[in-house]
């Protein structure tokens, strides 16, 4: 099975400051002044075109389609992704898609816009989404929560982990926005990381996924199976960002079979080209 994984798309959308409130004003200004130029429209168009020409069985999008979870951003993201939204697509929200409380409930904007491609819920009281694509089970978690401060922490409740490992009876791919592991060169700040990722990894050992796909940190890597996390952890963020000396951006195609093979694509000279994946042993990073 070939899984194409993209993340942290941060599609640009011009917004009126009068339509924003609270920390969304600060977040939007930060995006316009600091990050907008790093996600050029030409790169976004090139990504959609490249993916449209590639062969894959499943397309996974692990969050951050928007910048401040404004209603207009969700509609914009849906329009850009329209050529790629099929029954092969599975997506989950990122922290920017939950940036404001009105993006969480009672009728969350992410779910309202993308429910058709989010699979079904395994529990009415917990965020565990499941979708079978080409015979493979994909499980989605929501590690995000809206808080008033400008932070980007994540958290997955023990109930979600326990329910997942008890409910899924066949090999599965786990998709969540926040990393469970980082290279030593990419250590996350206290205001950016998943708060209980050691607990998550410990509990997952009872029924580990074949792959853990995430984003959040805007550089690519593949953590190979290790002693503490006996499964690959793959980061395909940011798939729409220009690379620089601190960010190796792009996306992966992962072929899961008797062995797991990885291909990586990066933006170069107005198009996406294939290049070498970036592999790490577990000991080269931290949980």
Protein backbone atom coordinates (compact mmCIF):
# COMPACT_ATOMS: atom_id res chain seq x y z
CA UNK A 1 0.00 0.00 0.00
CA UNK A 2 1.27 3.49 -0.91
CA UNK A 3 0.42 6.28 1.55
CA UNK A 4 1.02 9.89 0.52
CA UNK A 5 1.40 12.07 3.62
CA UNK A 6 1.21 15.88 3.68
CA UNK A 7 0.84 18.27 6.61
CA UNK A 8 0.90 21.86 7.87
CA UNK A 9 -0.40 23.42 4.67
CA UNK A 10 -1.28 26.83 6.19
CA UNK A 11 -3.13 27.95 3.10
CA UNK A 12 -3.08 31.76 2.69
CA UNK A 13 -6.29 33.74 2.98
CA UNK A 14 -6.56 37.51 3.35
CA UNK A 15 -8.79 38.35 6.33
CA UNK A 16 -10.24 41.50 7.81
CA UNK A 17 -8.93 42.25 11.30
CA UNK A 18 -12.50 43.21 12.22
CA UNK A 19 -13.53 39.57 11.66
CA UNK A 20 -11.03 38.31 14.24
CA UNK A 21 -11.00 38.26 18.02
CA UNK A 22 -8.60 37.52 20.87
CA UNK A 23 -5.37 35.74 20.08
CA UNK A 24 -6.48 35.26 16.45
CA UNK A 25 -5.60 38.91 15.82
CA UNK A 26 -2.04 38.38 17.06
CA UNK A 27 -1.75 35.07 15.22
CA UNK A 28 -2.97 36.51 11.94
CA UNK A 29 -0.63 39.50 12.14
CA UNK A 30 2.26 37.14 12.86
CA UNK A 31 1.33 35.09 9.82
CA UNK A 32 1.00 38.10 7.51
CA UNK A 33 4.24 39.73 8.64
CA UNK A 34 6.48 36.71 9.30
CA UNK A 35 5.22 33.53 7.67
CA UNK A 36 3.13 34.39 4.60
CA UNK A 37 6.15 34.67 2.29
CA UNK A 38 7.30 31.19 3.34
CA UNK A 39 4.14 29.61 1.88
CA UNK A 40 3.95 31.08 -1.64
CA UNK A 41 0.98 30.35 -3.87
CA UNK A 42 3.23 28.96 -6.61
CA UNK A 43 4.48 26.27 -4.24
CA UNK A 44 0.94 25.36 -3.19
CA UNK A 45 -0.13 25.00 -6.82
CA UNK A 46 2.95 22.90 -7.56
CA UNK A 47 2.14 20.57 -4.65
CA UNK A 48 -1.43 19.97 -5.80
CA UNK A 49 -0.23 19.39 -9.36
CA UNK A 50 2.52 17.00 -8.25
CA UNK A 51 0.20 14.94 -6.05
CA UNK A 52 -2.38 14.75 -8.85
CA UNK A 53 0.23 13.00 -11.00
CA UNK A 54 1.56 10.58 -8.37
CA UNK A 55 0.24 7.09 -7.72
CA UNK A 56 -0.96 6.38 -4.20
CA UNK A 57 -3.62 4.38 -2.39
CA UNK A 58 -4.28 6.80 0.49
CA UNK A 59 -3.71 10.52 1.03
CA UNK A 60 -3.23 11.52 4.69
CA UNK A 61 -3.33 15.16 5.81
CA UNK A 62 -2.25 15.59 9.43
CA UNK A 63 -3.59 19.05 10.21
CA UNK A 64 -2.95 22.80 10.08
CA UNK A 65 -4.83 23.55 6.88
CA UNK A 66 -5.56 27.06 8.21
CA UNK A 67 -3.71 29.74 10.17
CA UNK A 68 -6.21 31.10 12.72
CA UNK A 69 -9.23 28.81 12.14
CA UNK A 70 -11.32 31.54 10.51
CA UNK A 71 -14.44 30.27 8.63
CA UNK A 72 -13.15 31.79 5.40
CA UNK A 73 -9.88 29.89 5.77
CA UNK A 74 -11.67 26.56 5.94
CA UNK A 75 -13.62 27.22 2.76
CA UNK A 76 -10.42 28.41 1.07
CA UNK A 77 -8.58 25.23 2.12
CA UNK A 78 -11.39 23.05 0.81
CA UNK A 79 -11.33 24.83 -2.55
CA UNK A 80 -7.54 24.45 -2.91
CA UNK A 81 -7.66 20.76 -1.95
CA UNK A 82 -10.72 20.02 -4.09
CA UNK A 83 -8.75 18.04 -6.76
CA UNK A 84 -7.33 15.79 -4.02
CA UNK A 85 -10.40 15.21 -1.82
CA UNK A 86 -11.60 11.72 -2.72
CA UNK A 87 -12.57 8.52 -0.92
CA UNK A 88 -8.79 7.89 -0.62
CA UNK A 89 -8.35 10.98 1.59
CA UNK A 90 -8.13 10.98 5.39
CA UNK A 91 -7.50 14.13 7.43
CA UNK A 92 -7.36 15.35 11.02
CA UNK A 93 -7.12 18.87 12.51
CA UNK A 94 -3.99 20.63 13.71
CA UNK A 95 -3.62 23.25 16.43
CA UNK A 96 -4.12 26.10 13.94
CA UNK A 97 -7.43 24.50 12.92
CA UNK A 98 -8.46 24.73 16.60
CA UNK A 99 -6.96 28.19 17.12
CA UNK A 100 -10.15 29.73 18.49
CA UNK A 101 -12.82 28.29 20.78
CA UNK A 102 -15.45 28.79 18.08
CA UNK A 103 -13.45 26.30 15.98
CA UNK A 104 -14.05 23.55 18.54
CA UNK A 105 -17.75 23.33 19.26
CA UNK A 106 -20.60 22.71 19.37
CA UNK A 107 -20.35 22.54 15.56
CA UNK A 108 -16.58 22.56 14.87
CA UNK A 109 -15.55 24.32 11.69
CA UNK A 110 -13.04 21.65 10.70
CA UNK A 111 -15.62 18.88 10.97
CA UNK A 112 -18.27 21.02 9.31
CA UNK A 113 -16.00 21.53 6.29
CA UNK A 114 -14.20 18.19 5.99
CA UNK A 115 -16.45 15.58 7.64
CA UNK A 116 -16.80 13.67 4.36
CA UNK A 117 -13.11 12.71 4.49
CA UNK A 118 -12.67 12.19 8.25
CA UNK A 119 -14.03 8.67 8.62
CA UNK A 120 -16.35 7.65 11.45
CA UNK A 121 -16.17 8.06 15.22
CA UNK A 122 -15.33 5.04 17.38
CA UNK A 123 -16.76 6.66 20.50
CA UNK A 124 -19.33 9.47 20.87
CA UNK A 125 -17.46 10.89 23.87
CA UNK A 126 -13.89 10.65 22.56
CA UNK A 127 -12.12 11.94 19.47
CA UNK A 128 -11.12 8.73 17.69
CA UNK A 129 -11.82 8.71 13.97
CA UNK A 130 -11.50 5.58 11.85
CA UNK A 131 -11.46 5.08 8.11
CA UNK A 132 -10.58 2.03 6.03
CA UNK A 133 -8.85 2.80 2.75
CA UNK A 134 -7.80 0.05 0.35
CA UNK A 135 -8.14 -2.48 3.16
CA UNK A 136 -5.98 -0.54 5.64
CA UNK A 137 -7.34 1.00 8.85
CA UNK A 138 -6.44 4.64 9.56
CA UNK A 139 -7.04 6.03 13.04
CA UNK A 140 -7.13 9.78 13.68
CA UNK A 141 -6.64 11.58 17.00
CA UNK A 142 -7.16 15.24 17.88
CA UNK A 143 -4.30 16.38 20.13
CA UNK A 144 -5.29 20.06 19.96
CA UNK A 145 -7.23 22.35 22.24
CA UNK A 146 -7.97 26.07 22.05
CA UNK A 147 -6.44 28.08 24.88
CA UNK A 148 -6.29 31.86 25.32
CA UNK A 149 -2.49 32.13 25.36
CA UNK A 150 -0.29 31.99 22.27
CA UNK A 151 0.83 28.42 22.79
CA UNK A 152 0.60 25.30 20.67
CA UNK A 153 0.66 22.43 23.15
CA UNK A 154 -1.03 19.12 22.51
CA UNK A 155 -2.50 16.41 24.71
CA UNK A 156 -4.15 13.03 24.17
CA UNK A 157 -6.24 11.72 27.05
CA UNK A 158 -5.50 8.26 28.48
CA UNK A 159 -9.09 7.29 27.63
CA UNK A 160 -8.46 7.92 23.93
CA UNK A 161 -5.31 5.80 23.95
CA UNK A 162 -6.92 2.94 25.88
CA UNK A 163 -10.05 2.92 23.71
CA UNK A 164 -7.89 2.86 20.56
CA UNK A 165 -5.68 -0.04 21.56
CA UNK A 166 -8.69 -2.02 22.75
CA UNK A 167 -10.92 -1.30 19.73
CA UNK A 168 -8.55 -1.78 16.80
CA UNK A 169 -8.08 -5.47 16.09
CA UNK A 170 -6.00 -5.29 12.89
CA UNK A 171 -2.86 -3.47 11.73
CA UNK A 172 -3.46 0.27 11.63
CA UNK A 173 -1.91 3.63 10.78
CA UNK A 174 -2.18 6.28 13.52
CA UNK A 175 -2.48 9.95 12.50
CA UNK A 176 -2.10 12.81 14.99
CA UNK A 177 -0.85 16.37 14.63
CA UNK A 178 1.82 16.54 17.36
CA UNK A 179 5.14 14.65 17.30
CA UNK A 180 5.88 11.86 19.76
CA UNK A 181 9.63 12.18 19.14
CA UNK A 182 11.99 14.91 17.93
CA UNK A 183 15.57 14.85 16.67
CA UNK A 184 17.98 16.51 19.11
CA UNK A 185 18.40 19.33 16.59
CA UNK A 186 14.63 19.96 16.62
CA UNK A 187 13.74 20.01 20.31
CA UNK A 188 10.34 21.65 20.80
CA UNK A 189 9.74 24.43 23.29
CA UNK A 190 7.54 23.85 26.35
CA UNK A 191 4.76 25.82 24.70
CA UNK A 192 4.81 23.77 21.49
CA UNK A 193 5.10 20.07 22.35
CA UNK A 194 2.61 17.35 23.21
CA UNK A 195 2.45 17.43 27.00
CA UNK A 196 2.11 13.68 27.63
CA UNK A 197 3.85 12.01 24.73
CA UNK A 198 5.91 9.64 26.92
CA UNK A 199 2.61 8.37 28.34
CA UNK A 200 1.18 7.99 24.83
CA UNK A 201 4.16 5.94 23.64
CA UNK A 202 4.12 3.79 26.76
CA UNK A 203 0.45 2.91 26.36
CA UNK A 204 0.72 2.32 22.60
CA UNK A 205 3.17 -0.52 23.21
CA UNK A 206 0.16 -2.70 24.04
CA UNK A 207 -1.04 -2.41 20.43
CA UNK A 208 1.45 -0.33 18.41
CA UNK A 209 0.54 1.17 15.03
CA UNK A 210 2.41 0.27 11.87
CA UNK A 211 3.13 3.98 11.39
CA UNK A 212 2.62 7.21 13.33
CA UNK A 213 2.09 10.13 10.92
CA UNK A 214 2.24 13.73 12.19
CA UNK A 215 3.25 17.31 11.45
CA UNK A 216 3.46 20.42 13.67
CA UNK A 217 7.26 20.85 13.48
CA UNK A 218 8.03 22.21 10.02
CA UNK A 219 10.77 19.89 8.88
CA UNK A 220 10.80 16.35 7.50
CA UNK A 221 12.06 13.19 9.15
CA UNK A 222 11.53 9.47 9.58
CA UNK A 223 12.28 8.01 13.02
CA UNK A 224 12.97 4.31 12.64
CA UNK A 225 11.49 1.78 15.11
CA UNK A 226 13.28 1.76 18.46
CA UNK A 227 13.12 0.26 21.93
CA UNK A 228 10.76 2.85 23.43
CA UNK A 229 8.66 3.52 20.32
CA UNK A 230 8.66 0.27 18.30
CA UNK A 231 7.11 1.89 15.24
CA UNK A 232 8.20 4.46 12.62
CA UNK A 233 7.31 8.10 13.30
CA UNK A 234 7.03 10.18 10.12
CA UNK A 235 6.89 13.97 9.85
CA UNK A 236 5.81 15.50 6.51
CA UNK A 237 5.60 19.14 7.61
CA UNK A 238 5.44 21.61 6.13
CA UNK A 239 4.47 20.41 2.68
CA UNK A 240 3.77 23.96 1.43
CA UNK A 241 6.73 25.77 3.00
CA UNK A 242 9.95 26.89 1.35
CA UNK A 243 12.93 25.00 2.76
CA UNK A 244 15.78 26.89 4.38
CA UNK A 245 18.82 26.00 6.48
CA UNK A 246 16.59 25.23 9.48
CA UNK A 247 13.66 23.54 7.72
CA UNK A 248 13.73 20.54 5.37
CA UNK A 249 10.22 20.72 3.93
CA UNK A 250 8.22 18.47 1.61
CA UNK A 251 6.15 15.30 1.79
CA UNK A 252 6.51 11.52 1.79
CA UNK A 253 5.15 8.50 -0.01
CA UNK A 254 5.36 5.49 2.29
CA UNK A 255 4.93 2.02 0.86
CA UNK A 256 3.79 -0.44 3.51
CA UNK A 257 4.24 -4.15 2.76
CA UNK A 258 6.58 -6.87 3.95
CA UNK A 259 8.97 -4.00 4.55
CA UNK A 260 8.37 -0.24 4.68
CA UNK A 261 9.86 1.97 1.97
CA UNK A 262 10.04 5.77 2.03
CA UNK A 263 10.18 8.34 -0.76
CA UNK A 264 10.50 12.07 -0.13
CA UNK A 265 9.56 14.98 -2.41
CA UNK A 266 10.77 18.57 -2.08
CA UNK A 267 10.05 21.82 -3.89
CA UNK A 268 12.90 22.92 -6.16
CA UNK A 269 12.94 25.21 -9.20
CA UNK A 270 9.16 25.63 -9.45
CA UNK A 271 8.28 21.93 -9.10
CA UNK A 272 8.41 19.00 -6.71
CA UNK A 273 11.23 16.52 -7.23
CA UNK A 274 12.16 13.31 -5.46
CA UNK A 275 15.10 13.35 -3.06
CA UNK A 276 16.53 11.24 -0.24
CA UNK A 277 14.48 10.75 2.94
CA UNK A 278 15.96 11.90 6.25
CA UNK A 279 16.28 8.94 8.62
CA UNK A 280 17.00 8.95 12.37
CA UNK A 281 17.57 6.22 14.89
CA UNK A 282 15.51 6.64 18.05
CA UNK A 283 18.67 7.36 20.08
CA UNK A 284 19.32 10.45 17.94
CA UNK A 285 16.32 12.24 19.43
CA UNK A 286 14.07 12.55 22.44
CA UNK A 287 10.59 11.50 23.48
